[in-house]
Amino acid sequence: MNPIRSYRKQHGLSQTAFGRLVGLPQTTVSSYESGVRNPSHRTAKRIHDKTNGELPIHALLPDIFANSYVQAHDLRQPITQKEVESTEVV
């Protein structure tokens, strides 16, 4: 299941309520959940922050973070800019 949908269901939120929480329209939340679109880096960070880290950035941007670095590190900890720059995009 999509991480945003899982979070919403776990917290009893509609797409509209989740959108209000993170500052997005319901249609955008729907498109993220259906896989039509992925959030930008900035939006993923905002979602991460507004959910108090319960939605990790790597879960919101699977295409970018689908590599061995992510699998080998605990991404609940902050990532440094140096680590981001050295991470290979696949």
Protein backbone atom coordinates (compact mmCIF):
# COMPACT_ATOMS: atom_id res chain seq x y z
CA MET A 1 0.00 0.00 0.00
CA ASN A 2 1.13 3.54 -0.72
CA PRO A 3 2.82 5.15 2.34
CA ILE A 4 0.59 8.23 2.25
CA ARG A 5 -2.56 6.09 2.08
CA SER A 6 -1.25 3.89 4.91
CA TYR A 7 -0.54 6.94 7.06
CA ARG A 8 -3.97 8.42 6.34
CA LYS A 9 -5.79 5.18 7.17
CA GLN A 10 -3.77 4.67 10.34
CA HIS A 11 -4.66 8.19 11.50
CA GLY A 12 -8.26 8.17 10.26
CA LEU A 13 -7.73 11.01 7.80
CA SER A 14 -9.47 11.63 4.50
CA GLN A 15 -7.42 12.79 1.53
CA THR A 16 -8.80 16.29 2.11
CA ALA A 17 -7.84 16.27 5.80
CA PHE A 18 -4.35 14.93 5.02
CA GLY A 19 -3.98 17.60 2.33
CA ARG A 20 -4.86 20.31 4.85
CA LEU A 21 -2.31 18.88 7.27
CA VAL A 22 0.52 19.02 4.74
CA GLY A 23 -0.66 21.98 2.63
CA LEU A 24 -1.76 20.15 -0.53
CA PRO A 25 -5.04 19.95 -2.43
CA GLN A 26 -6.97 16.68 -2.25
CA THR A 27 -6.37 16.08 -5.97
CA THR A 28 -2.62 16.13 -5.43
CA VAL A 29 -2.87 13.71 -2.51
CA SER A 30 -4.95 11.42 -4.73
CA SER A 31 -2.39 11.55 -7.54
CA TYR A 32 0.44 10.69 -5.11
CA GLU A 33 -1.52 7.76 -3.70
CA SER A 34 -2.41 6.39 -7.12
CA GLY A 35 1.17 6.70 -8.36
CA VAL A 36 0.28 9.13 -11.12
CA ARG A 37 2.73 11.64 -9.64
CA ASN A 38 5.47 11.71 -7.03
CA PRO A 39 6.06 14.69 -4.76
CA SER A 40 8.97 17.01 -5.40
CA HIS A 41 11.89 16.91 -2.97
CA ARG A 42 10.57 20.03 -1.26
CA THR A 43 7.06 18.62 -0.94
CA ALA A 44 8.36 15.27 0.33
CA LYS A 45 10.34 17.14 3.00
CA ARG A 46 7.26 19.14 3.98
CA ILE A 47 5.14 15.96 4.24
CA HIS A 48 7.90 14.36 6.32
CA ASP A 49 8.04 17.37 8.64
CA LYS A 50 4.25 17.79 8.98
CA THR A 51 3.85 14.11 9.89
CA ASN A 52 6.60 14.40 12.53
CA GLY A 53 8.83 12.06 10.53
CA GLU A 54 6.27 9.24 10.38
CA LEU A 55 6.43 9.40 6.59
CA PRO A 56 10.12 9.09 5.71
CA ILE A 57 11.37 10.92 2.65
CA HIS A 58 12.73 7.74 1.07
CA ALA A 59 9.23 6.21 1.18
CA LEU A 60 7.78 9.27 -0.56
CA LEU A 61 10.44 9.28 -3.30
CA PRO A 62 10.98 5.58 -4.08
CA ASP A 63 12.34 6.17 -7.58
CA ILE A 64 15.14 8.34 -6.24
CA PHE A 65 16.06 6.33 -3.17
CA ALA A 66 15.80 2.80 -4.62
CA ASN A 67 19.42 1.79 -4.16
CA SER A 68 21.74 -0.03 -1.81
CA TYR A 69 22.56 3.11 0.21
CA VAL A 70 18.98 3.37 1.38
CA GLN A 71 18.76 -0.32 2.12
CA ALA A 72 21.95 -0.16 4.19
CA HIS A 73 21.15 2.92 6.31
CA ASP A 74 18.58 3.85 8.89
CA LEU A 75 16.88 6.77 7.17
CA ARG A 76 14.94 7.77 10.23
CA GLN A 77 18.10 9.72 10.99
CA PRO A 78 18.76 13.00 9.15
CA ILE A 79 20.66 12.72 5.88
CA THR A 80 23.49 15.15 5.32
CA GLN A 81 23.79 17.14 2.12
CA LYS A 82 27.05 15.30 1.40
CA GLU A 83 25.25 11.95 1.63
CA VAL A 84 22.50 13.17 -0.71
CA GLU A 85 25.02 14.38 -3.26
CA SER A 86 26.96 11.13 -3.18
CA THR A 87 23.88 8.91 -3.56
CA GLU A 88 23.58 7.38 -7.00
CA VAL A 89 20.25 7.95 -8.72
CA VAL A 90 18.97 4.84 -10.46
